[in-house]
Structure formats: C-alpha cells, structure tokens
C-alpha cells in the first residue's frame, strides 16, 4: 500500500491510501507503517486524477506530404511525462497503411507501464476501415475499443461523407456501445472548410441520434470554427479543444486551448460539455489555398497540462480546468476514471503550484516519486 499524506484534494489537505491498484480511503489514515510500501509527503501540493488524453495518435500520424512526412510513434514515457495515465488512441488521415491492428498492438504495450489503453476504430475515411468485419463488432468484441473516429468532415482531407452516412455510422457505434457498456462515441475531426459543423447539425436535426453521441474536436482551430462550436454546445453538444499547437498557428488565427476554455465558460457553456485533448503524435500541417502541404510539425502529450496552466493563468478555476482533461473525458466516452474517490483506479498525480509533476501513480504503481523516475524513461 501507498499513503499520500496531507495533499490538497479539491483544495482541502487530506490523506489518500492506495492499495491493490485502487484508492482505498480518503481522509485520516491511521495505519500500521509496516503495511506501507511507501509514504509520500503531499504537503503543499495538489493531488489530481491522472490525465485522460481522449484524442491521440500513438503510432504517429501525418503522411500528407508522402511517406517521408509520417510522424514517429509515441512511447509510454511520452505520456507519463505529461501526467497522462489513460490514452484513447486513434488513426487519422492514413487508415490504409496504418491499421487498427497496429494501433491495438501498440497501445496494449502501454499497459505494462501502468497506462490504461483504449482506442477508437476507423480513421478519417468513410466507410471506415475496421479491425473485424464491422465497427460494431470492433466495439463489442475488442476490450480496448470504445468508439469510432476520428471521422473527418469539413476538410479537404475528408472523404466528404453525407448526412446519411454519418447518421448510420453514429447509430451503429451507439448501439454497439450500449451492448458493451460504453458510449460508442464518434470522435469527429472538424477541419476549417466551408460547412463548419453543418453536417453534424443535420444528423441531429434529421435523426434520432442524440447530440451527445458526437465529440467534435479541433474546435479551437480558427475563430470561425470556435464560434460554430459554441453554437453546437449551446444545443447540448460536447466540444473538444486541441492543446497541441504552434506559434504559427496562433498567429494565423487558432485559439489556444486554455484561452478557448476561458471564453467558452464565459459564453455560458456548461463545464461538463468541454474537454481538451492533445492530438499528440499527429502532424500539425499547414496547407496553401490549393491544399498543398507547406509545413508540418508534431505535438506532444505534455501540452495537456500546459493548457490547464494557461487556462488558470486566464482566470479559470484550477478544479474546472483539470476536469476538462479528466472527469469530462471519461464521461464523454462512458468509461471510468477522472475522479478521486474510494474504489476508483489509482491514477494520481501530485503537482506543485508551478504545475510541475512531483509524483505519478498509474494503476496504483509508483512511476515517479518526488521527481524521481522509478521506470526507465
């Protein structure tokens, strides 16, 4: 067992006892020291849930500039260094030479380092390429698969799906999710094209698929898409802000994730409808008016905690900012995690006021203690 002493949980100093991979008790813990593997002094530090990255490319992304432009795969330490203990992996532009089987094998390897691995079936393309013969069977039969995505719309790299195609896919994922016990969420890549979120709005308007079935992402990619995202959220939909960005993108009009969170809350969007994700491992491409690739970079999972820090700097309450990368993500996908309570999986971070990670527990295993790594980086 591991005892964390007097850490700030929701700004209140308290003890947290961990054992068997789970949180056993919160509050005064009078326990025989011989039963403890480790006692960690949390005085003056915040104890938060491990971050849940709901949109990441573990086997890399890109390829828009040919095979030489493919980005490199990510390893477990890339995520742990950013405090990420749950990963939802997916494919992007290239769902043909990168496959769901490759993605599944890669994220399963994260489990040996304490990271909880999930993935979405499919990629940008419609019809999506599944691992089994259908996306529904992928969701039901493969433990790690919890939804569909990232399906691309409003983008020159999209396969230009119709309202009817999106409706059928969302319905299939939803039904499969119900059978499995998850949400079967459809993660939707929103590009900077002409229609904004119009296709998703039409699916909701013309069918019985509920608006919560969708998680549109990259909503902060431009001012126009951001405003369209706020309109979607005011109808009850969730929106996801991407934390990986570049100085050039900001100069070209992207809204940084921390600022987007502040503005969304000021616009009256309920906190529970907002998530943030890294998009790490993906390419960060810039195209000219004809769709020709101009430049490309790649993001990191460490951007999640940096976006939380930025949001707090803009005046967002710390507990609210953290919720967008923990509890809200878990609720969006219908998985457990993202909270600190007895019985919950012990994915925990101790962080300082300067947003430096002091201690990481992943599945109850000590990964870092007081800035000392206990696993190879």
Protein backbone atom coordinates (compact mmCIF):
# COMPACT_ATOMS: atom_id res chain seq x y z
CA UNK A 1 0.00 0.00 0.00
CA UNK A 2 1.00 3.63 -0.59
CA UNK A 3 -0.06 6.50 1.65
CA UNK A 4 -0.09 10.08 0.38
CA UNK A 5 -0.11 12.45 3.35
CA UNK A 6 -1.82 15.85 3.51
CA UNK A 7 -2.12 16.53 -0.21
CA UNK A 8 -4.65 19.07 -1.45
CA UNK A 9 -7.71 17.27 -2.84
CA UNK A 10 -10.17 19.86 -4.12
CA UNK A 11 -8.07 22.39 -2.18
CA UNK A 12 -8.54 20.52 1.15
CA UNK A 13 -5.49 18.86 2.82
CA UNK A 14 -6.17 15.16 3.31
CA UNK A 15 -4.61 11.69 3.29
CA UNK A 16 -5.20 9.20 0.47
CA UNK A 17 -4.49 5.48 0.86
CA UNK A 18 -3.83 3.37 -2.22
CA UNK A 19 -3.66 -0.41 -2.45
CA UNK A 20 -4.35 -3.16 -4.97
CA UNK A 21 -4.34 -0.64 -7.78
CA UNK A 22 -7.25 1.34 -6.34
CA UNK A 23 -7.96 4.21 -3.97
CA UNK A 24 -8.84 2.60 -0.64
CA UNK A 25 -9.56 5.56 1.61
CA UNK A 26 -9.65 9.35 1.65
CA UNK A 27 -9.25 11.10 4.99
CA UNK A 28 -7.31 10.44 8.16
CA UNK A 29 -5.46 7.15 7.67
CA UNK A 30 -4.16 5.64 10.90
CA UNK A 31 -2.41 2.55 9.59
CA UNK A 32 0.44 0.32 10.71
CA UNK A 33 3.58 1.60 8.96
CA UNK A 34 4.76 -1.98 8.41
CA UNK A 35 1.87 -2.41 5.96
CA UNK A 36 3.00 0.50 3.79
CA UNK A 37 5.35 0.19 0.85
CA UNK A 38 5.71 3.96 0.62
CA UNK A 39 4.63 7.13 2.42
CA UNK A 40 4.63 10.26 0.27
CA UNK A 41 4.53 13.76 1.73
CA UNK A 42 1.97 15.72 -0.28
CA UNK A 43 2.08 18.87 1.85
CA UNK A 44 1.53 21.99 -0.24
CA UNK A 45 0.89 20.01 -3.43
CA UNK A 46 -2.32 19.27 -5.29
CA UNK A 47 -3.41 15.66 -5.79
CA UNK A 48 -5.33 15.25 -9.04
CA UNK A 49 -6.50 12.33 -11.18
CA UNK A 50 -4.13 11.15 -13.86
CA UNK A 51 -4.93 12.92 -17.11
CA UNK A 52 -7.08 11.21 -19.75
CA UNK A 53 -5.95 12.03 -23.29
CA UNK A 54 -9.08 11.44 -25.36
CA UNK A 55 -7.55 12.08 -28.77
CA UNK A 56 -4.00 10.96 -29.51
CA UNK A 57 -2.05 9.20 -32.29
CA UNK A 58 0.20 6.64 -30.54
CA UNK A 59 1.57 5.11 -33.76
CA UNK A 60 2.06 8.52 -35.35
CA UNK A 61 0.09 10.43 -37.94
CA UNK A 62 0.66 12.63 -40.91
CA UNK A 63 1.68 11.43 -44.31
CA UNK A 64 0.06 14.33 -46.14
CA UNK A 65 3.44 15.09 -47.71
CA UNK A 66 4.19 11.49 -48.65
CA UNK A 67 5.59 8.63 -46.59
CA UNK A 68 8.64 10.67 -45.60
CA UNK A 69 6.33 13.07 -43.73
CA UNK A 70 4.85 10.41 -41.43
CA UNK A 71 5.33 11.29 -37.76
CA UNK A 72 7.06 8.95 -35.33
CA UNK A 73 5.22 6.66 -32.85
CA UNK A 74 4.91 7.70 -29.22
CA UNK A 75 6.14 5.61 -26.28
CA UNK A 76 4.75 5.23 -22.76
CA UNK A 77 7.18 7.73 -21.23
CA UNK A 78 5.92 10.43 -23.65
CA UNK A 79 2.53 10.20 -21.97
CA UNK A 80 3.70 9.72 -18.39
CA UNK A 81 5.98 12.75 -18.66
CA UNK A 82 2.83 14.79 -19.25
CA UNK A 83 0.87 13.15 -16.44
CA UNK A 84 -1.29 11.13 -18.85
CA UNK A 85 -2.32 7.76 -17.40
CA UNK A 86 -5.21 6.91 -19.76
CA UNK A 87 -4.84 7.03 -23.53
CA UNK A 88 -7.55 6.95 -26.20
CA UNK A 89 -5.62 6.22 -29.39
CA UNK A 90 -6.88 6.66 -32.94
CA UNK A 91 -5.91 6.83 -36.59
CA UNK A 92 -6.07 9.98 -38.71
CA UNK A 93 -5.56 10.77 -42.38
CA UNK A 94 -3.95 7.44 -43.20
CA UNK A 95 -6.16 4.49 -42.31
CA UNK A 96 -4.77 2.28 -45.06
CA UNK A 97 -1.03 1.83 -44.42
CA UNK A 98 -1.54 2.43 -40.70
CA UNK A 99 -4.06 -0.09 -39.41
CA UNK A 100 -6.25 -0.63 -36.39
CA UNK A 101 -4.35 -3.84 -35.66
CA UNK A 102 -1.08 -1.90 -35.46
CA UNK A 103 -2.73 0.66 -33.18
CA UNK A 104 -4.21 -2.03 -30.93
CA UNK A 105 -0.89 -3.83 -30.54
CA UNK A 106 0.92 -0.58 -29.77
CA UNK A 107 -1.47 0.69 -27.08
CA UNK A 108 -1.61 -2.73 -25.43
CA UNK A 109 2.10 -2.34 -24.83
CA UNK A 110 1.40 0.76 -22.73
CA UNK A 111 -0.38 -1.36 -20.11
CA UNK A 112 2.89 -2.83 -18.83
CA UNK A 113 3.89 0.72 -17.81
CA UNK A 114 0.63 1.31 -15.93
CA UNK A 115 -1.14 3.30 -18.65
CA UNK A 116 -4.77 2.36 -19.27
CA UNK A 117 -5.12 1.87 -23.05
CA UNK A 118 -8.20 2.49 -25.20
CA UNK A 119 -8.69 3.15 -28.88
CA UNK A 120 -11.26 4.16 -31.46
CA UNK A 121 -11.92 2.11 -34.57
CA UNK A 122 -11.76 3.70 -38.03
CA UNK A 123 -9.89 6.77 -39.25
CA UNK A 124 -10.69 9.88 -41.34
CA UNK A 125 -12.37 7.85 -44.07
CA UNK A 126 -15.99 6.85 -44.63
CA UNK A 127 -16.69 3.98 -44.87
CA UNK A 128 -14.28 3.35 -42.00
CA UNK A 129 -11.74 0.53 -42.13
CA UNK A 130 -12.47 -1.74 -39.16
CA UNK A 131 -10.38 -4.40 -37.39
CA UNK A 132 -13.07 -7.09 -37.58
CA UNK A 133 -15.71 -7.06 -40.32
CA UNK A 134 -17.72 -4.16 -38.81
CA UNK A 135 -17.16 -1.23 -36.47
CA UNK A 136 -19.93 -2.58 -34.25
CA UNK A 137 -18.09 -5.86 -33.69
CA UNK A 138 -14.85 -3.95 -33.07
CA UNK A 139 -16.52 -2.04 -30.24
CA UNK A 140 -18.26 -5.06 -28.73
CA UNK A 141 -15.56 -7.71 -29.07
CA UNK A 142 -12.26 -5.84 -28.57
CA UNK A 143 -11.84 -4.73 -24.97
CA UNK A 144 -9.85 -1.59 -25.77
CA UNK A 145 -12.20 -0.27 -28.47
CA UNK A 146 -14.71 2.22 -27.03
CA UNK A 147 -15.91 4.21 -30.03
CA UNK A 148 -15.36 5.38 -33.59
CA UNK A 149 -13.09 8.01 -35.07
CA UNK A 150 -11.62 10.29 -35.92
CA UNK A 151 -14.07 10.67 -38.80
CA UNK A 152 -13.13 13.76 -40.82
CA UNK A 153 -15.61 16.38 -42.02
CA UNK A 154 -15.31 19.96 -43.24
CA UNK A 155 -11.81 19.29 -44.56
CA UNK A 156 -10.19 18.75 -47.97
CA UNK A 157 -8.66 15.56 -46.49
CA UNK A 158 -12.12 14.20 -45.65
CA UNK A 159 -13.79 11.61 -47.88
CA UNK A 160 -16.78 14.01 -47.90
CA UNK A 161 -19.36 11.78 -46.12
CA UNK A 162 -23.06 12.51 -46.46
CA UNK A 163 -25.52 13.17 -43.65
CA UNK A 164 -26.98 9.71 -44.21
CA UNK A 165 -23.58 8.02 -43.93
CA UNK A 166 -22.70 9.84 -40.72
CA UNK A 167 -26.12 9.04 -39.27
CA UNK A 168 -25.74 5.32 -39.93
CA UNK A 169 -22.21 5.17 -38.53
CA UNK A 170 -23.12 7.09 -35.38
CA UNK A 171 -26.15 4.85 -34.85
CA UNK A 172 -24.11 1.66 -35.27
CA UNK A 173 -21.44 2.88 -32.85
CA UNK A 174 -24.10 3.94 -30.36
CA UNK A 175 -25.89 0.57 -30.43
CA UNK A 176 -22.61 -1.34 -30.11
CA UNK A 177 -21.64 0.89 -27.21
CA UNK A 178 -24.92 0.14 -25.46
CA UNK A 179 -24.29 -3.59 -25.79
CA UNK A 180 -20.75 -3.22 -24.45
CA UNK A 181 -21.49 -0.69 -21.69
CA UNK A 182 -19.68 2.35 -23.11
CA UNK A 183 -20.98 5.32 -25.09
CA UNK A 184 -19.72 4.25 -28.52
CA UNK A 185 -18.82 7.91 -29.05
CA UNK A 186 -17.99 9.17 -32.55
CA UNK A 187 -14.94 11.43 -32.44
CA UNK A 188 -15.21 13.86 -35.35
CA UNK A 189 -12.29 15.79 -36.87
CA UNK A 190 -13.56 19.29 -37.73
CA UNK A 191 -11.47 20.93 -40.43
CA UNK A 192 -11.51 24.56 -41.47
CA UNK A 193 -13.70 24.09 -44.53
CA UNK A 194 -16.87 25.79 -45.68
CA UNK A 195 -19.54 23.93 -43.70
CA UNK A 196 -18.18 24.08 -40.13
CA UNK A 197 -20.39 21.71 -38.04
CA UNK A 198 -23.30 21.75 -40.50
CA UNK A 199 -23.15 18.00 -41.27
CA UNK A 200 -23.36 17.06 -37.58
CA UNK A 201 -26.15 19.55 -37.02
CA UNK A 202 -28.09 17.95 -39.87
CA UNK A 203 -27.62 14.46 -38.41
CA UNK A 204 -29.08 15.64 -35.10
CA UNK A 205 -31.88 17.59 -36.81
CA UNK A 206 -32.98 14.80 -39.14
CA UNK A 207 -32.47 11.67 -37.00
CA UNK A 208 -32.94 10.25 -33.53
CA UNK A 209 -29.19 10.08 -32.86
CA UNK A 210 -28.64 12.27 -29.77
CA UNK A 211 -26.22 15.17 -29.93
CA UNK A 212 -24.14 13.67 -27.09
CA UNK A 213 -23.14 10.83 -29.43
CA UNK A 214 -20.59 13.09 -31.08
CA UNK A 215 -17.35 14.56 -29.81
CA UNK A 216 -16.24 17.14 -32.40
CA UNK A 217 -12.59 18.04 -31.95
CA UNK A 218 -10.19 20.81 -33.07
CA UNK A 219 -12.95 23.31 -32.25
CA UNK A 220 -10.30 25.94 -31.46
CA UNK A 221 -8.57 25.69 -34.86
CA UNK A 222 -9.97 29.07 -36.01
CA UNK A 223 -12.23 31.82 -34.76
CA UNK A 224 -14.96 30.76 -37.20
CA UNK A 225 -14.93 27.13 -36.10
CA UNK A 226 -14.74 28.19 -32.45
CA UNK A 227 -17.92 30.25 -32.80
CA UNK A 228 -19.64 27.36 -34.62
CA UNK A 229 -18.55 25.08 -31.77
CA UNK A 230 -20.09 27.38 -29.18
CA UNK A 231 -23.38 27.29 -31.12
CA UNK A 232 -23.21 23.48 -31.17
CA UNK A 233 -22.51 23.37 -27.42
CA UNK A 234 -25.46 25.68 -26.72
CA UNK A 235 -27.63 22.99 -28.30
CA UNK A 236 -26.25 20.50 -25.75
CA UNK A 237 -23.28 19.07 -27.66
CA UNK A 238 -19.80 18.42 -26.35
CA UNK A 239 -16.78 20.24 -27.78
CA UNK A 240 -13.10 19.31 -27.61
CA UNK A 241 -10.19 21.77 -27.75
CA UNK A 242 -6.81 20.65 -29.08
CA UNK A 243 -3.88 21.51 -26.81
CA UNK A 244 -1.03 20.87 -29.28
CA UNK A 245 -0.42 23.96 -31.38
CA UNK A 246 2.37 26.10 -32.80
CA UNK A 247 3.25 29.77 -32.68
CA UNK A 248 2.49 29.99 -36.41
CA UNK A 249 -0.99 28.52 -35.96
CA UNK A 250 -1.79 31.02 -33.20
CA UNK A 251 -0.59 33.87 -35.42
CA UNK A 252 -2.82 32.53 -38.20
CA UNK A 253 -5.93 32.62 -36.01
CA UNK A 254 -6.05 29.44 -33.94
CA UNK A 255 -7.42 29.99 -30.42
CA UNK A 256 -5.12 28.43 -27.83
CA UNK A 257 -6.85 25.72 -25.80
CA UNK A 258 -6.53 27.48 -22.43
CA UNK A 259 -7.99 30.69 -23.82
CA UNK A 260 -10.71 28.76 -25.66
CA UNK A 261 -11.74 27.15 -22.36
CA UNK A 262 -11.97 30.53 -20.66
CA UNK A 263 -14.03 32.01 -23.50
CA UNK A 264 -16.36 29.01 -23.68
CA UNK A 265 -17.12 29.19 -19.96
CA UNK A 266 -17.69 32.95 -20.23
CA UNK A 267 -20.13 32.25 -23.08
CA UNK A 268 -22.20 30.10 -20.73
CA UNK A 269 -21.18 26.66 -21.99
CA UNK A 270 -21.57 24.14 -19.14
CA UNK A 271 -18.20 22.85 -17.94
CA UNK A 272 -19.19 19.18 -18.33
CA UNK A 273 -19.59 19.67 -22.11
CA UNK A 274 -15.97 20.78 -22.61
CA UNK A 275 -12.94 18.52 -22.98
CA UNK A 276 -9.34 19.11 -24.01
CA UNK A 277 -7.06 16.58 -25.75
CA UNK A 278 -3.52 16.68 -27.08
CA UNK A 279 -3.73 15.30 -30.66
CA UNK A 280 -0.14 14.28 -29.88
CA UNK A 281 1.64 12.16 -32.44
CA UNK A 282 -0.39 13.70 -35.23
CA UNK A 283 1.04 16.02 -37.80
CA UNK A 284 0.37 19.72 -37.38
CA UNK A 285 0.20 20.55 -41.08
CA UNK A 286 -0.31 23.87 -42.83
CA UNK A 287 -1.66 23.96 -46.39
CA UNK A 288 -1.96 26.63 -49.04
CA UNK A 289 -5.26 27.58 -50.70
CA UNK A 290 -4.90 24.71 -53.18
CA UNK A 291 -4.39 22.13 -50.42
CA UNK A 292 -0.64 21.78 -50.96
CA UNK A 293 1.38 21.00 -47.84
CA UNK A 294 3.51 23.95 -46.72
CA UNK A 295 4.99 22.73 -43.43
CA UNK A 296 4.47 20.15 -40.71
CA UNK A 297 5.23 19.70 -37.02
CA UNK A 298 4.17 17.16 -34.39
CA UNK A 299 2.68 17.68 -30.93
CA UNK A 300 3.37 16.14 -27.51
CA UNK A 301 1.14 14.85 -24.67
CA UNK A 302 2.81 17.35 -22.29
CA UNK A 303 0.65 20.03 -23.93
CA UNK A 304 -2.36 18.89 -21.86
CA UNK A 305 -1.03 20.08 -18.51
CA UNK A 306 0.40 23.18 -20.18
CA UNK A 307 -3.10 24.05 -21.45
CA UNK A 308 -4.50 23.64 -17.94
CA UNK A 309 -1.83 26.02 -16.67
CA UNK A 310 -2.69 28.51 -19.42
CA UNK A 311 -6.40 28.32 -18.57
CA UNK A 312 -5.68 29.01 -14.89
CA UNK A 313 -3.48 31.93 -15.96
CA UNK A 314 -6.53 33.30 -17.83
CA UNK A 315 -8.64 33.06 -14.67
CA UNK A 316 -10.28 29.63 -14.98
CA UNK A 317 -10.58 27.86 -11.62
CA UNK A 318 -7.97 25.12 -11.25
CA UNK A 319 -10.55 22.43 -10.46
CA UNK A 320 -12.58 23.40 -13.54
CA UNK A 321 -9.57 23.31 -15.86
CA UNK A 322 -8.47 19.90 -14.56
CA UNK A 323 -11.97 18.49 -15.06
CA UNK A 324 -11.70 19.04 -18.83
CA UNK A 325 -8.76 16.61 -19.04
CA UNK A 326 -10.03 14.06 -16.52
CA UNK A 327 -13.65 13.52 -15.50
CA UNK A 328 -15.25 15.15 -18.54
CA UNK A 329 -13.26 12.96 -20.93
CA UNK A 330 -14.26 9.80 -19.05
CA UNK A 331 -17.91 10.83 -19.18
CA UNK A 332 -17.71 11.67 -22.89
CA UNK A 333 -16.59 8.12 -23.70
CA UNK A 334 -18.55 6.33 -20.98
CA UNK A 335 -15.50 4.92 -19.20
CA UNK A 336 -14.48 5.01 -15.55
CA UNK A 337 -11.84 7.33 -14.14
CA UNK A 338 -11.14 11.01 -13.82
CA UNK A 339 -12.12 11.36 -10.16
CA UNK A 340 -10.55 10.78 -6.75
CA UNK A 341 -12.82 8.58 -4.68
CA UNK A 342 -12.66 5.20 -2.90
CA UNK A 343 -12.83 2.30 -5.32
CA UNK A 344 -11.53 4.33 -8.27
CA UNK A 345 -8.44 3.16 -10.12
CA UNK A 346 -5.40 4.78 -8.51
CA UNK A 347 -4.22 7.02 -11.35
CA UNK A 348 -2.94 10.01 -9.42
CA UNK A 349 -0.60 12.98 -9.84
CA UNK A 350 0.94 15.24 -7.24
CA UNK A 351 1.71 18.63 -8.78
CA UNK A 352 3.15 21.86 -7.46
CA UNK A 353 1.70 25.35 -7.79
CA UNK A 354 4.13 25.77 -10.71
CA UNK A 355 2.41 22.81 -12.47
CA UNK A 356 5.50 20.63 -12.11
CA UNK A 357 4.76 16.94 -11.65
CA UNK A 358 6.16 15.61 -8.38
CA UNK A 359 4.65 12.11 -8.19
CA UNK A 360 2.85 9.77 -10.60
CA UNK A 361 0.85 6.69 -9.66
CA UNK A 362 -0.55 4.70 -12.59
CA UNK A 363 -2.89 1.87 -11.69
CA UNK A 364 -1.54 2.12 -8.16
CA UNK A 365 2.06 1.59 -9.28
CA UNK A 366 4.62 4.23 -8.38
CA UNK A 367 6.02 5.60 -11.65
CA UNK A 368 7.61 8.75 -10.23
CA UNK A 369 8.09 9.66 -6.57
CA UNK A 370 9.11 13.20 -5.67
CA UNK A 371 10.52 13.78 -9.19
CA UNK A 372 12.49 10.52 -9.20
CA UNK A 373 11.55 8.18 -12.04
CA UNK A 374 11.09 4.57 -10.97
CA UNK A 375 10.76 3.30 -14.54
CA UNK A 376 13.16 3.83 -17.44
CA UNK A 377 12.37 6.92 -19.49
